PDB file of N, CA and C in Angstrom:
ATOM      1  N   MET A   1      87.179  58.975 188.726  1.00  0.00           N
ATOM      2  CA  MET A   1      87.307  58.106 187.576  1.00  0.00           C
ATOM      3  C   MET A   1      86.187  58.364 186.579  1.00  0.00           C
ATOM      4  N   ASN A   2      86.485  58.063 185.343  1.00  0.00           N
ATOM      5  CA  ASN A   2      85.578  58.357 184.244  1.00  0.00           C
ATOM      6  C   ASN A   2      84.901  57.074 183.758  1.00  0.00           C
ATOM      7  N   PHE A   3      83.565  57.148 183.548  1.00  0.00           N
ATOM      8  CA  PHE A   3      82.776  56.009 183.063  1.00  0.00           C
ATOM      9  C   PHE A   3      81.805  56.502 181.987  1.00  0.00           C
ATOM     10  N   PRO A   4      82.271  56.695 180.746  1.00  0.00           N
ATOM     11  CA  PRO A   4      81.388  57.216 179.700  1.00  0.00           C
ATOM     12  C   PRO A   4      80.129  56.354 179.511  1.00  0.00           C
ATOM     13  N   ALA A   5      78.985  57.007 179.525  1.00  0.00           N
ATOM     14  CA  ALA A   5      77.696  56.314 179.457  1.00  0.00           C
ATOM     15  C   ALA A   5      77.443  55.651 178.104  1.00  0.00           C
ATOM     16  N   GLU A   6      78.085  56.138 177.036  1.00  0.00           N
ATOM     17  CA  GLU A   6      77.824  55.577 175.701  1.00  0.00           C
ATOM     18  C   GLU A   6      78.561  54.259 175.453  1.00  0.00           C
ATOM     19  N   LEU A   7      79.421  53.859 176.367  1.00  0.00           N
ATOM     20  CA  LEU A   7      80.182  52.621 176.219  1.00  0.00           C
ATOM     21  C   LEU A   7      79.521  51.482 176.969  1.00  0.00           C
ATOM     22  N   LYS A   8      79.876  50.250 176.593  1.00  0.00           N
ATOM     23  CA  LYS A   8      79.515  49.051 177.346  1.00  0.00           C
ATOM     24  C   LYS A   8      80.804  48.517 177.963  1.00  0.00           C
ATOM     25  N   TYR A   9      80.667  47.785 179.062  1.00  0.00           N
ATOM     26  CA  TYR A   9      81.826  47.354 179.841  1.00  0.00           C
ATOM     27  C   TYR A   9      81.761  45.858 180.140  1.00  0.00           C
ATOM     28  N   THR A  10      82.926  45.269 180.413  1.00  0.00           N
ATOM     29  CA  THR A  10      82.987  43.864 180.822  1.00  0.00           C
ATOM     30  C   THR A  10      83.429  43.787 182.277  1.00  0.00           C
ATOM     31  N   GLN A  11      83.211  42.636 182.875  1.00  0.00           N
ATOM     32  CA  GLN A  11      83.677  42.417 184.240  1.00  0.00           C
ATOM     33  C   GLN A  11      85.198  42.294 184.288  1.00  0.00           C
ATOM     34  N   ASP A  12      85.824  42.121 183.124  1.00  0.00           N
ATOM     35  CA  ASP A  12      87.278  42.027 183.034  1.00  0.00           C
ATOM     36  C   ASP A  12      87.934  43.383 182.770  1.00  0.00           C
ATOM     37  N   HIS A  13      87.135  44.457 182.796  1.00  0.00           N
ATOM     38  CA  HIS A  13      87.616  45.848 182.714  1.00  0.00           C
ATOM     39  C   HIS A  13      88.006  46.308 181.316  1.00  0.00           C
ATOM     40  N   GLU A  14      87.346  45.722 180.292  1.00  0.00           N
ATOM     41  CA  GLU A  14      87.448  46.263 178.946  1.00  0.00           C
ATOM     42  C   GLU A  14      86.182  47.052 178.640  1.00  0.00           C
ATOM     43  N   TRP A  15      86.302  47.992 177.707  1.00  0.00           N
ATOM     44  CA  TRP A  15      85.117  48.713 177.217  1.00  0.00           C
ATOM     45  C   TRP A  15      84.993  48.453 175.726  1.00  0.00           C
ATOM     46  N   ILE A  16      83.778  48.659 175.206  1.00  0.00           N
ATOM     47  CA  ILE A  16      83.532  48.474 173.780  1.00  0.00           C
ATOM     48  C   ILE A  16      82.554  49.542 173.297  1.00  0.00           C
ATOM     49  N   ARG A  17      82.822  50.017 172.088  1.00  0.00           N
ATOM     50  CA  ARG A  17      81.940  51.002 171.446  1.00  0.00           C
ATOM     51  C   ARG A  17      81.696  50.538 170.014  1.00  0.00           C
ATOM     52  N   ILE A  18      80.420  50.416 169.649  1.00  0.00           N
ATOM     53  CA  ILE A  18      80.074  50.060 168.277  1.00  0.00           C
ATOM     54  C   ILE A  18      80.024  51.346 167.448  1.00  0.00           C
ATOM     55  N   GLU A  19      80.772  51.372 166.361  1.00  0.00           N
ATOM     56  CA  GLU A  19      80.863  52.542 165.502  1.00  0.00           C
ATOM     57  C   GLU A  19      79.700  52.549 164.501  1.00  0.00           C
ATOM     58  N   ASP A  20      79.520  53.679 163.829  1.00  0.00           N
ATOM     59  CA  ASP A  20      78.456  53.815 162.827  1.00  0.00           C
ATOM     60  C   ASP A  20      78.606  52.830 161.668  1.00  0.00           C
ATOM     61  N   ASP A  21      79.837  52.439 161.361  1.00  0.00           N
ATOM     62  CA  ASP A  21      80.063  51.511 160.249  1.00  0.00           C
ATOM     63  C   ASP A  21      79.903  50.041 160.653  1.00  0.00           C
ATOM     64  N   GLY A  22      79.521  49.796 161.912  1.00  0.00           N
ATOM     65  CA  GLY A  22      79.300  48.433 162.381  1.00  0.00           C
ATOM     66  C   GLY A  22      80.513  47.780 163.018  1.00  0.00           C
ATOM     67  N   THR A  23      81.686  48.392 162.881  1.00  0.00           N
ATOM     68  CA  THR A  23      82.857  47.849 163.557  1.00  0.00           C
ATOM     69  C   THR A  23      82.793  48.235 165.039  1.00  0.00           C
ATOM     70  N   ALA A  24      83.644  47.619 165.825  1.00  0.00           N
ATOM     71  CA  ALA A  24      83.682  47.908 167.256  1.00  0.00           C
ATOM     72  C   ALA A  24      85.096  48.297 167.655  1.00  0.00           C
ATOM     73  N   VAL A  25      85.198  49.212 168.608  1.00  0.00           N
ATOM     74  CA  VAL A  25      86.480  49.636 169.160  1.00  0.00           C
ATOM     75  C   VAL A  25      86.516  49.143 170.599  1.00  0.00           C
ATOM     76  N   VAL A  26      87.676  48.597 171.000  1.00  0.00           N
ATOM     77  CA  VAL A  26      87.832  48.024 172.332  1.00  0.00           C
ATOM     78  C   VAL A  26      89.052  48.637 173.011  1.00  0.00           C
ATOM     79  N   GLY A  27      88.931  48.867 174.313  1.00  0.00           N
ATOM     80  CA  GLY A  27      90.051  49.349 175.104  1.00  0.00           C
ATOM     81  C   GLY A  27      89.898  48.907 176.541  1.00  0.00           C
ATOM     82  N   ILE A  28      90.780  49.404 177.399  1.00  0.00           N
ATOM     83  CA  ILE A  28      90.657  49.116 178.827  1.00  0.00           C
ATOM     84  C   ILE A  28      90.074  50.336 179.533  1.00  0.00           C
ATOM     85  N   THR A  29      89.435  50.090 180.654  1.00  0.00           N
ATOM     86  CA  THR A  29      88.755  51.164 181.376  1.00  0.00           C
ATOM     87  C   THR A  29      89.732  52.034 182.157  1.00  0.00           C
ATOM     88  N   ASP A  30      89.244  53.181 182.548  1.00  0.00           N
ATOM     89  CA  ASP A  30      90.000  54.089 183.400  1.00  0.00           C
ATOM     90  C   ASP A  30      90.377  53.381 184.704  1.00  0.00           C
ATOM     91  N   PHE A  31      89.441  52.608 185.249  1.00  0.00           N
ATOM     92  CA  PHE A  31      89.707  51.842 186.466  1.00  0.00           C
ATOM     93  C   PHE A  31      90.871  50.872 186.242  1.00  0.00           C
ATOM     94  N   ALA A  32      90.845  50.149 185.121  1.00  0.00           N
ATOM     95  CA  ALA A  32      91.895  49.163 184.824  1.00  0.00           C
ATOM     96  C   ALA A  32      93.264  49.817 184.708  1.00  0.00           C
ATOM     97  N   GLN A  33      93.331  50.919 183.960  1.00  0.00           N
ATOM     98  CA  GLN A  33      94.644  51.562 183.789  1.00  0.00           C
ATOM     99  C   GLN A  33      95.149  52.100 185.112  1.00  0.00           C
ATOM    100  N   HIS A  34      94.238  52.572 185.958  1.00  0.00           N
ATOM    101  CA  HIS A  34      94.624  53.077 187.281  1.00  0.00           C
ATOM    102  C   HIS A  34      95.188  51.944 188.145  1.00  0.00           C
ATOM    103  N   GLU A  35      94.523  50.784 188.097  1.00  0.00           N
ATOM    104  CA  GLU A  35      94.981  49.626 188.876  1.00  0.00           C
ATOM    105  C   GLU A  35      96.319  49.085 188.364  1.00  0.00           C
ATOM    106  N   LEU A  36      96.515  49.104 187.044  1.00  0.00           N
ATOM    107  CA  LEU A  36      97.749  48.580 186.463  1.00  0.00           C
ATOM    108  C   LEU A  36      98.946  49.474 186.745  1.00  0.00           C
ATOM    109  N   GLY A  37      98.730  50.765 186.776  1.00  0.00           N
ATOM    110  CA  GLY A  37      99.845  51.696 186.900  1.00  0.00           C
ATOM    111  C   GLY A  37     100.384  52.043 185.522  1.00  0.00           C
ATOM    112  N   ASP A  38     101.624  52.484 185.473  1.00  0.00           N
ATOM    113  CA  ASP A  38     102.222  52.955 184.221  1.00  0.00           C
ATOM    114  C   ASP A  38     102.364  51.811 183.215  1.00  0.00           C
ATOM    115  N   ILE A  39     101.647  51.921 182.101  1.00  0.00           N
ATOM    116  CA  ILE A  39     101.682  50.905 181.053  1.00  0.00           C
ATOM    117  C   ILE A  39     102.864  51.184 180.129  1.00  0.00           C
ATOM    118  N   VAL A  40     103.687  50.140 179.923  1.00  0.00           N
ATOM    119  CA  VAL A  40     104.915  50.314 179.155  1.00  0.00           C
ATOM    120  C   VAL A  40     104.936  49.549 177.842  1.00  0.00           C
ATOM    121  N   TYR A  41     103.994  48.591 177.665  1.00  0.00           N
ATOM    122  CA  TYR A  41     104.009  47.780 176.446  1.00  0.00           C
ATOM    123  C   TYR A  41     102.639  47.157 176.224  1.00  0.00           C
ATOM    124  N   VAL A  42     102.226  47.076 174.964  1.00  0.00           N
ATOM    125  CA  VAL A  42     100.984  46.405 174.587  1.00  0.00           C
ATOM    126  C   VAL A  42     101.350  45.324 173.581  1.00  0.00           C
ATOM    127  N   ASP A  43     100.919  44.086 173.846  1.00  0.00           N
ATOM    128  CA  ASP A  43     101.239  42.957 172.987  1.00  0.00           C
ATOM    129  C   ASP A  43      99.943  42.386 172.401  1.00  0.00           C
ATOM    130  N   ILE A  44      99.728  42.640 171.111  1.00  0.00           N
ATOM    131  CA  ILE A  44      98.555  42.129 170.401  1.00  0.00           C
ATOM    132  C   ILE A  44      99.073  41.349 169.197  1.00  0.00           C
ATOM    133  N   ASN A  45      98.872  40.028 169.193  1.00  0.00           N
ATOM    134  CA  ASN A  45      99.337  39.221 168.063  1.00  0.00           C
ATOM    135  C   ASN A  45      98.180  38.447 167.438  1.00  0.00           C
ATOM    136  N   THR A  46      96.970  39.011 167.528  1.00  0.00           N
ATOM    137  CA  THR A  46      95.774  38.328 167.033  1.00  0.00           C
ATOM    138  C   THR A  46      95.119  39.049 165.853  1.00  0.00           C
ATOM    139  N   ILE A  47      95.800  40.003 165.238  1.00  0.00           N
ATOM    140  CA  ILE A  47      95.239  40.737 164.100  1.00  0.00           C
ATOM    141  C   ILE A  47      94.912  39.743 162.983  1.00  0.00           C
ATOM    142  N   GLY A  48      93.687  39.857 162.447  1.00  0.00           N
ATOM    143  CA  GLY A  48      93.242  38.969 161.387  1.00  0.00           C
ATOM    144  C   GLY A  48      92.584  37.693 161.881  1.00  0.00           C
ATOM    145  N   GLN A  49      92.604  37.465 163.170  1.00  0.00           N
ATOM    146  CA  GLN A  49      92.011  36.246 163.727  1.00  0.00           C
ATOM    147  C   GLN A  49      90.569  36.488 164.160  1.00  0.00           C
ATOM    148  N   SER A  50      89.756  35.455 164.038  1.00  0.00           N
ATOM    149  CA  SER A  50      88.401  35.482 164.574  1.00  0.00           C
ATOM    150  C   SER A  50      88.433  34.779 165.928  1.00  0.00           C
ATOM    151  N   LEU A  51      87.963  35.478 166.946  1.00  0.00           N
ATOM    152  CA  LEU A  51      88.007  34.960 168.312  1.00  0.00           C
ATOM    153  C   LEU A  51      86.615  34.958 168.923  1.00  0.00           C
ATOM    154  N   SER A  52      86.439  34.122 169.925  1.00  0.00           N
ATOM    155  CA  SER A  52      85.182  34.054 170.654  1.00  0.00           C
ATOM    156  C   SER A  52      85.173  35.049 171.798  1.00  0.00           C
ATOM    157  N   LYS A  53      83.984  35.366 172.252  1.00  0.00           N
ATOM    158  CA  LYS A  53      83.828  36.235 173.413  1.00  0.00           C
ATOM    159  C   LYS A  53      84.582  35.617 174.592  1.00  0.00           C
ATOM    160  N   GLY A  54      85.351  36.432 175.280  1.00  0.00           N
ATOM    161  CA  GLY A  54      86.101  35.967 176.439  1.00  0.00           C
ATOM    162  C   GLY A  54      87.486  35.448 176.133  1.00  0.00           C
ATOM    163  N   ASP A  55      87.817  35.270 174.834  1.00  0.00           N
ATOM    164  CA  ASP A  55      89.166  34.828 174.469  1.00  0.00           C
ATOM    165  C   ASP A  55      90.179  35.928 174.756  1.00  0.00           C
ATOM    166  N   VAL A  56      91.398  35.527 175.072  1.00  0.00           N
ATOM    167  CA  VAL A  56      92.492  36.482 175.256  1.00  0.00           C
ATOM    168  C   VAL A  56      92.928  36.959 173.876  1.00  0.00           C
ATOM    169  N   PHE A  57      92.934  38.289 173.670  1.00  0.00           N
ATOM    170  CA  PHE A  57      93.366  38.817 172.373  1.00  0.00           C
ATOM    171  C   PHE A  57      94.709  39.520 172.454  1.00  0.00           C
ATOM    172  N   GLY A  58      95.277  39.619 173.648  1.00  0.00           N
ATOM    173  CA  GLY A  58      96.568  40.257 173.839  1.00  0.00           C
ATOM    174  C   GLY A  58      96.824  40.504 175.305  1.00  0.00           C
ATOM    175  N   SER A  59      97.821  41.340 175.568  1.00  0.00           N
ATOM    176  CA  SER A  59      98.138  41.683 176.951  1.00  0.00           C
ATOM    177  C   SER A  59      98.726  43.079 177.024  1.00  0.00           C
ATOM    178  N   VAL A  60      98.637  43.648 178.218  1.00  0.00           N
ATOM    179  CA  VAL A  60      99.298  44.922 178.495  1.00  0.00           C
ATOM    180  C   VAL A  60     100.302  44.691 179.612  1.00  0.00           C
ATOM    181  N   GLU A  61     101.451  45.313 179.449  1.00  0.00           N
ATOM    182  CA  GLU A  61     102.500  45.200 180.456  1.00  0.00           C
ATOM    183  C   GLU A  61     102.657  46.551 181.136  1.00  0.00           C
ATOM    184  N   ALA A  62     102.549  46.514 182.447  1.00  0.00           N
ATOM    185  CA  ALA A  62     102.766  47.713 183.247  1.00  0.00           C
ATOM    186  C   ALA A  62     104.051  47.514 184.038  1.00  0.00           C
ATOM    187  N   VAL A  63     104.487  48.560 184.720  1.00  0.00           N
ATOM    188  CA  VAL A  63     105.718  48.485 185.489  1.00  0.00           C
ATOM    189  C   VAL A  63     105.653  47.343 186.506  1.00  0.00           C
ATOM    190  N   LYS A  64     104.469  47.137 187.109  1.00  0.00           N
ATOM    191  CA  LYS A  64     104.375  46.150 188.185  1.00  0.00           C
ATOM    192  C   LYS A  64     103.695  44.832 187.823  1.00  0.00           C
ATOM    193  N   THR A  65     103.137  44.693 186.604  1.00  0.00           N
ATOM    194  CA  THR A  65     102.407  43.469 186.271  1.00  0.00           C
ATOM    195  C   THR A  65     102.153  43.351 184.775  1.00  0.00           C
ATOM    196  N   VAL A  66     101.729  42.165 184.350  1.00  0.00           N
ATOM    197  CA  VAL A  66     101.247  41.925 182.990  1.00  0.00           C
ATOM    198  C   VAL A  66      99.812  41.431 183.119  1.00  0.00           C
ATOM    199  N   SER A  67      98.922  41.956 182.288  1.00  0.00           N
ATOM    200  CA  SER A  67      97.515  41.595 182.376  1.00  0.00           C
ATOM    201  C   SER A  67      96.984  41.197 181.005  1.00  0.00           C
ATOM    202  N   ASP A  68      96.255  40.066 180.955  1.00  0.00           N
ATOM    203  CA  ASP A  68      95.630  39.632 179.713  1.00  0.00           C
ATOM    204  C   ASP A  68      94.466  40.548 179.359  1.00  0.00           C
ATOM    205  N   LEU A  69      94.181  40.641 178.061  1.00  0.00           N
ATOM    206  CA  LEU A  69      93.039  41.387 177.540  1.00  0.00           C
ATOM    207  C   LEU A  69      92.033  40.384 176.981  1.00  0.00           C
ATOM    208  N   PHE A  70      90.762  40.531 177.368  1.00  0.00           N
ATOM    209  CA  PHE A  70      89.722  39.592 176.980  1.00  0.00           C
ATOM    210  C   PHE A  70      88.741  40.258 176.026  1.00  0.00           C
ATOM    211  N   LEU A  71      88.392  39.547 174.958  1.00  0.00           N
ATOM    212  CA  LEU A  71      87.483  40.085 173.953  1.00  0.00           C
ATOM    213  C   LEU A  71      86.055  40.158 174.498  1.00  0.00           C
ATOM    214  N   PRO A  72      85.423  41.349 174.433  1.00  0.00           N
ATOM    215  CA  PRO A  72      84.073  41.501 174.988  1.00  0.00           C
ATOM    216  C   PRO A  72      82.977  40.811 174.178  1.00  0.00           C
ATOM    217  N   ILE A  73      83.199  40.662 172.860  1.00  0.00           N
ATOM    218  CA  ILE A  73      82.219  40.011 171.984  1.00  0.00           C
ATOM    219  C   ILE A  73      82.973  39.176 170.955  1.00  0.00           C
ATOM    220  N   GLU A  74      82.275  38.262 170.303  1.00  0.00           N
ATOM    221  CA  GLU A  74      82.879  37.457 169.249  1.00  0.00           C
ATOM    222  C   GLU A  74      83.096  38.309 168.007  1.00  0.00           C
ATOM    223  N   GLY A  75      84.261  38.128 167.364  1.00  0.00           N
ATOM    224  CA  GLY A  75      84.519  38.873 166.147  1.00  0.00           C
ATOM    225  C   GLY A  75      85.925  38.681 165.622  1.00  0.00           C
ATOM    226  N   GLU A  76      86.186  39.347 164.505  1.00  0.00           N
ATOM    227  CA  GLU A  76      87.501  39.293 163.861  1.00  0.00           C
ATOM    228  C   GLU A  76      88.280  40.555 164.192  1.00  0.00           C
ATOM    229  N   ILE A  77      89.498  40.381 164.681  1.00  0.00           N
ATOM    230  CA  ILE A  77      90.361  41.512 165.025  1.00  0.00           C
ATOM    231  C   ILE A  77      90.856  42.139 163.718  1.00  0.00           C
ATOM    232  N   LEU A  78      90.487  43.396 163.494  1.00  0.00           N
ATOM    233  CA  LEU A  78      90.838  44.070 162.242  1.00  0.00           C
ATOM    234  C   LEU A  78      92.128  44.867 162.324  1.00  0.00           C
ATOM    235  N   GLU A  79      92.315  45.578 163.428  1.00  0.00           N
ATOM    236  CA  GLU A  79      93.514  46.422 163.506  1.00  0.00           C
ATOM    237  C   GLU A  79      93.879  46.736 164.940  1.00  0.00           C
ATOM    238  N   LEU A  80      95.171  47.019 165.111  1.00  0.00           N
ATOM    239  CA  LEU A  80      95.720  47.501 166.372  1.00  0.00           C
ATOM    240  C   LEU A  80      95.921  48.999 166.233  1.00  0.00           C
ATOM    241  N   ASN A  81      95.615  49.725 167.274  1.00  0.00           N
ATOM    242  CA  ASN A  81      95.858  51.168 167.285  1.00  0.00           C
ATOM    243  C   ASN A  81      97.369  51.400 167.221  1.00  0.00           C
ATOM    244  N   SER A  82      97.853  51.872 166.084  1.00  0.00           N
ATOM    245  CA  SER A  82      99.296  52.057 165.905  1.00  0.00           C
ATOM    246  C   SER A  82      99.872  53.091 166.869  1.00  0.00           C
ATOM    247  N   ALA A  83      99.055  54.022 167.334  1.00  0.00           N
ATOM    248  CA  ALA A  83      99.540  55.052 168.270  1.00  0.00           C
ATOM    249  C   ALA A  83     100.013  54.439 169.584  1.00  0.00           C
ATOM    250  N   ILE A  84      99.354  53.363 170.041  1.00  0.00           N
ATOM    251  CA  ILE A  84      99.772  52.782 171.325  1.00  0.00           C
ATOM    252  C   ILE A  84     101.008  51.898 171.189  1.00  0.00           C
ATOM    253  N   GLU A  85     101.340  51.504 169.955  1.00  0.00           N
ATOM    254  CA  GLU A  85     102.596  50.776 169.758  1.00  0.00           C
ATOM    255  C   GLU A  85     103.772  51.697 170.070  1.00  0.00           C
ATOM    256  N   LYS A  86     103.660  52.936 169.629  1.00  0.00           N
ATOM    257  CA  LYS A  86     104.719  53.925 169.852  1.00  0.00           C
ATOM    258  C   LYS A  86     104.621  54.562 171.233  1.00  0.00           C
ATOM    259  N   SER A  87     103.381  54.728 171.730  1.00  0.00           N
ATOM    260  CA  SER A  87     103.145  55.420 172.995  1.00  0.00           C
ATOM    261  C   SER A  87     102.137  54.656 173.855  1.00  0.00           C
ATOM    262  N   PRO A  88     102.552  53.537 174.471  1.00  0.00           N
ATOM    263  CA  PRO A  88     101.619  52.749 175.274  1.00  0.00           C
ATOM    264  C   PRO A  88     101.025  53.520 176.451  1.00  0.00           C
ATOM    265  N   GLU A  89     101.683  54.596 176.839  1.00  0.00           N
ATOM    266  CA  GLU A  89     101.172  55.420 177.950  1.00  0.00           C
ATOM    267  C   GLU A  89      99.841  56.096 177.617  1.00  0.00           C
ATOM    268  N   LEU A  90      99.428  56.083 176.340  1.00  0.00           N
ATOM    269  CA  LEU A  90      98.110  56.610 175.966  1.00  0.00           C
ATOM    270  C   LEU A  90      96.993  55.841 176.674  1.00  0.00           C
ATOM    271  N   LEU A  91      97.244  54.572 177.010  1.00  0.00           N
ATOM    272  CA  LEU A  91      96.245  53.802 177.749  1.00  0.00           C
ATOM    273  C   LEU A  91      96.027  54.400 179.135  1.00  0.00           C
ATOM    274  N   ASN A  92      97.059  55.023 179.694  1.00  0.00           N
ATOM    275  CA  ASN A  92      96.929  55.692 180.989  1.00  0.00           C
ATOM    276  C   ASN A  92      96.317  57.083 180.842  1.00  0.00           C
ATOM    277  N   SER A  93      96.797  57.835 179.878  1.00  0.00           N
ATOM    278  CA  SER A  93      96.386  59.238 179.778  1.00  0.00           C
ATOM    279  C   SER A  93      95.037  59.448 179.100  1.00  0.00           C
ATOM    280  N   ASP A  94      94.639  58.548 178.197  1.00  0.00           N
ATOM    281  CA  ASP A  94      93.390  58.725 177.451  1.00  0.00           C
ATOM    282  C   ASP A  94      92.776  57.366 177.100  1.00  0.00           C
ATOM    283  N   PRO A  95      92.367  56.581 178.118  1.00  0.00           N
ATOM    284  CA  PRO A  95      91.915  55.212 177.851  1.00  0.00           C
ATOM    285  C   PRO A  95      90.671  55.104 176.973  1.00  0.00           C
ATOM    286  N   TYR A  96      89.841  56.145 176.937  1.00  0.00           N
ATOM    287  CA  TYR A  96      88.606  56.086 176.140  1.00  0.00           C
ATOM    288  C   TYR A  96      88.718  56.820 174.808  1.00  0.00           C
ATOM    289  N   GLY A  97      89.851  57.435 174.554  1.00  0.00           N
ATOM    290  CA  GLY A  97      90.041  58.204 173.327  1.00  0.00           C
ATOM    291  C   GLY A  97      91.203  57.653 172.520  1.00  0.00           C
ATOM    292  N   GLU A  98      92.323  58.381 172.535  1.00  0.00           N
ATOM    293  CA  GLU A  98      93.507  57.989 171.768  1.00  0.00           C
ATOM    294  C   GLU A  98      94.103  56.668 172.233  1.00  0.00           C
ATOM    295  N   GLY A  99      93.740  56.202 173.418  1.00  0.00           N
ATOM    296  CA  GLY A  99      94.296  54.967 173.969  1.00  0.00           C
ATOM    297  C   GLY A  99      93.479  53.724 173.682  1.00  0.00           C
ATOM    298  N   TRP A 100      92.592  53.770 172.670  1.00  0.00           N
ATOM    299  CA  TRP A 100      91.873  52.537 172.315  1.00  0.00           C
ATOM    300  C   TRP A 100      92.893  51.501 171.855  1.00  0.00           C
ATOM    301  N   ILE A 101      92.513  50.211 171.924  1.00  0.00           N
ATOM    302  CA  ILE A 101      93.487  49.157 171.640  1.00  0.00           C
ATOM    303  C   ILE A 101      93.258  48.500 170.281  1.00  0.00           C
ATOM    304  N   ILE A 102      92.056  47.951 170.050  1.00  0.00           N
ATOM    305  CA  ILE A 102      91.800  47.259 168.783  1.00  0.00           C
ATOM    306  C   ILE A 102      90.473  47.687 168.174  1.00  0.00           C
ATOM    307  N   ARG A 103      90.362  47.434 166.887  1.00  0.00           N
ATOM    308  CA  ARG A 103      89.095  47.561 166.163  1.00  0.00           C
ATOM    309  C   ARG A 103      88.757  46.157 165.680  1.00  0.00           C
ATOM    310  N   LEU A 104      87.482  45.770 165.815  1.00  0.00           N
ATOM    311  CA  LEU A 104      87.084  44.451 165.372  1.00  0.00           C
ATOM    312  C   LEU A 104      85.781  44.474 164.608  1.00  0.00           C
ATOM    313  N   LYS A 105      85.579  43.412 163.831  1.00  0.00           N
ATOM    314  CA  LYS A 105      84.330  43.215 163.091  1.00  0.00           C
ATOM    315  C   LYS A 105      83.511  42.200 163.876  1.00  0.00           C
ATOM    316  N   PRO A 106      82.394  42.641 164.484  1.00  0.00           N
ATOM    317  CA  PRO A 106      81.574  41.711 165.274  1.00  0.00           C
ATOM    318  C   PRO A 106      81.044  40.562 164.413  1.00  0.00           C
ATOM    319  N   ALA A 107      80.981  39.363 164.997  1.00  0.00           N
ATOM    320  CA  ALA A 107      80.464  38.190 164.295  1.00  0.00           C
ATOM    321  C   ALA A 107      78.955  38.276 164.108  1.00  0.00           C
ATOM    322  N   ALA A 108      78.277  38.964 165.026  1.00  0.00           N
ATOM    323  CA  ALA A 108      76.825  39.152 164.949  1.00  0.00           C
ATOM    324  C   ALA A 108      76.505  40.545 165.476  1.00  0.00           C
ATOM    325  N   ALA A 109      75.359  41.067 165.075  1.00  0.00           N
ATOM    326  CA  ALA A 109      75.009  42.450 165.416  1.00  0.00           C
ATOM    327  C   ALA A 109      74.705  42.655 166.897  1.00  0.00           C
ATOM    328  N   ASP A 110      73.946  41.767 167.521  1.00  0.00           N
ATOM    329  CA  ASP A 110      73.508  42.031 168.890  1.00  0.00           C
ATOM    330  C   ASP A 110      74.142  41.058 169.875  1.00  0.00           C
ATOM    331  N   GLN A 111      75.301  41.463 170.400  1.00  0.00           N
ATOM    332  CA  GLN A 111      76.014  40.633 171.372  1.00  0.00           C
ATOM    333  C   GLN A 111      76.169  41.361 172.700  1.00  0.00           C
ATOM    334  N   ASN A 112      75.345  42.340 172.949  1.00  0.00           N
ATOM    335  CA  ASN A 112      75.523  43.200 174.115  1.00  0.00           C
ATOM    336  C   ASN A 112      74.850  42.716 175.388  1.00  0.00           C
ATOM    337  N   GLU A 113      74.145  41.573 175.347  1.00  0.00           N
ATOM    338  CA  GLU A 113      73.331  41.181 176.495  1.00  0.00           C
ATOM    339  C   GLU A 113      74.123  40.976 177.782  1.00  0.00           C
ATOM    340  N   ASP A 114      75.367  40.520 177.706  1.00  0.00           N
ATOM    341  CA  ASP A 114      76.160  40.279 178.912  1.00  0.00           C
ATOM    342  C   ASP A 114      77.036  41.464 179.304  1.00  0.00           C
ATOM    343  N   LEU A 115      77.037  42.500 178.493  1.00  0.00           N
ATOM    344  CA  LEU A 115      77.881  43.655 178.777  1.00  0.00           C
ATOM    345  C   LEU A 115      77.211  44.565 179.797  1.00  0.00           C
ATOM    346  N   LEU A 116      78.026  45.303 180.521  1.00  0.00           N
ATOM    347  CA  LEU A 116      77.534  46.170 181.589  1.00  0.00           C
ATOM    348  C   LEU A 116      77.343  47.604 181.113  1.00  0.00           C
ATOM    349  N   THR A 117      76.348  48.271 181.678  1.00  0.00           N
ATOM    350  CA  THR A 117      76.201  49.713 181.463  1.00  0.00           C
ATOM    351  C   THR A 117      77.247  50.423 182.309  1.00  0.00           C
ATOM    352  N   ALA A 118      77.406  51.710 182.087  1.00  0.00           N
ATOM    353  CA  ALA A 118      78.349  52.490 182.888  1.00  0.00           C
ATOM    354  C   ALA A 118      77.990  52.412 184.371  1.00  0.00           C
ATOM    355  N   GLU A 119      76.693  52.486 184.676  1.00  0.00           N
ATOM    356  CA  GLU A 119      76.249  52.445 186.076  1.00  0.00           C
ATOM    357  C   GLU A 119      76.564  51.086 186.708  1.00  0.00           C
ATOM    358  N   ALA A 120      76.293  50.010 185.973  1.00  0.00           N
ATOM    359  CA  ALA A 120      76.560  48.663 186.495  1.00  0.00           C
ATOM    360  C   ALA A 120      78.061  48.443 186.684  1.00  0.00           C
ATOM    361  N   TYR A 121      78.860  48.983 185.770  1.00  0.00           N
ATOM    362  CA  TYR A 121      80.317  48.838 185.899  1.00  0.00           C
ATOM    363  C   TYR A 121      80.823  49.616 187.105  1.00  0.00           C
ATOM    364  N   GLN A 122      80.315  50.820 187.297  1.00  0.00           N
ATOM    365  CA  GLN A 122      80.709  51.609 188.472  1.00  0.00           C
ATOM    366  C   GLN A 122      80.414  50.841 189.746  1.00  0.00           C
ATOM    367  N   GLU A 123      79.259  50.200 189.781  1.00  0.00           N
ATOM    368  CA  GLU A 123      78.882  49.388 190.949  1.00  0.00           C
ATOM    369  C   GLU A 123      79.861  48.237 191.142  1.00  0.00           C
ATOM    370  N   LEU A 124      80.234  47.581 190.040  1.00  0.00           N
ATOM    371  CA  LEU A 124      81.161  46.455 190.087  1.00  0.00           C
ATOM    372  C   LEU A 124      82.496  46.859 190.719  1.00  0.00           C
ATOM    373  N   VAL A 125      83.001  48.014 190.330  1.00  0.00           N
ATOM    374  CA  VAL A 125      84.321  48.436 190.822  1.00  0.00           C
ATOM    375  C   VAL A 125      84.239  49.272 192.100  1.00  0.00           C
ATOM    376  N   GLY A 126      83.037  49.491 192.578  1.00  0.00           N
ATOM    377  CA  GLY A 126      82.865  50.224 193.822  1.00  0.00           C
ATOM    378  C   GLY A 126      83.168  51.707 193.731  1.00  0.00           C
ATOM    379  N   ALA A 127      82.899  52.284 192.574  1.00  0.00           N
ATOM    380  CA  ALA A 127      83.196  53.713 192.381  1.00  0.00           C
ATOM    381  C   ALA A 127      81.961  54.572 192.678  1.00  0.00           C
TER     382      ALA A 127
END
């Protein structure tokens, strides 16, 4: 399994990357997509909304289950990755690249204190 060191992780199996322009990109981890199995649908109906850390911002549907997605930091949901609307399997094949889920505008600059490093996340999932 892959755990990119430049990302931060949540205990709910989302990852987050802060971009150079200050926006953040969020997706699910390689571990999460592996546990879910084949992802067939992504449901995000929170575009334009400001949500708190830990709020549900959508869900992913796999062949065997549906799983809620939790926001890693407080912010406004700016956009959904249009590629995963057409090809939700990108979450399985490239969870850290083309399979990102949303872009958001963080409510504050430094909200990383509760997020996990790659090493801490690996420990959490027993990898």
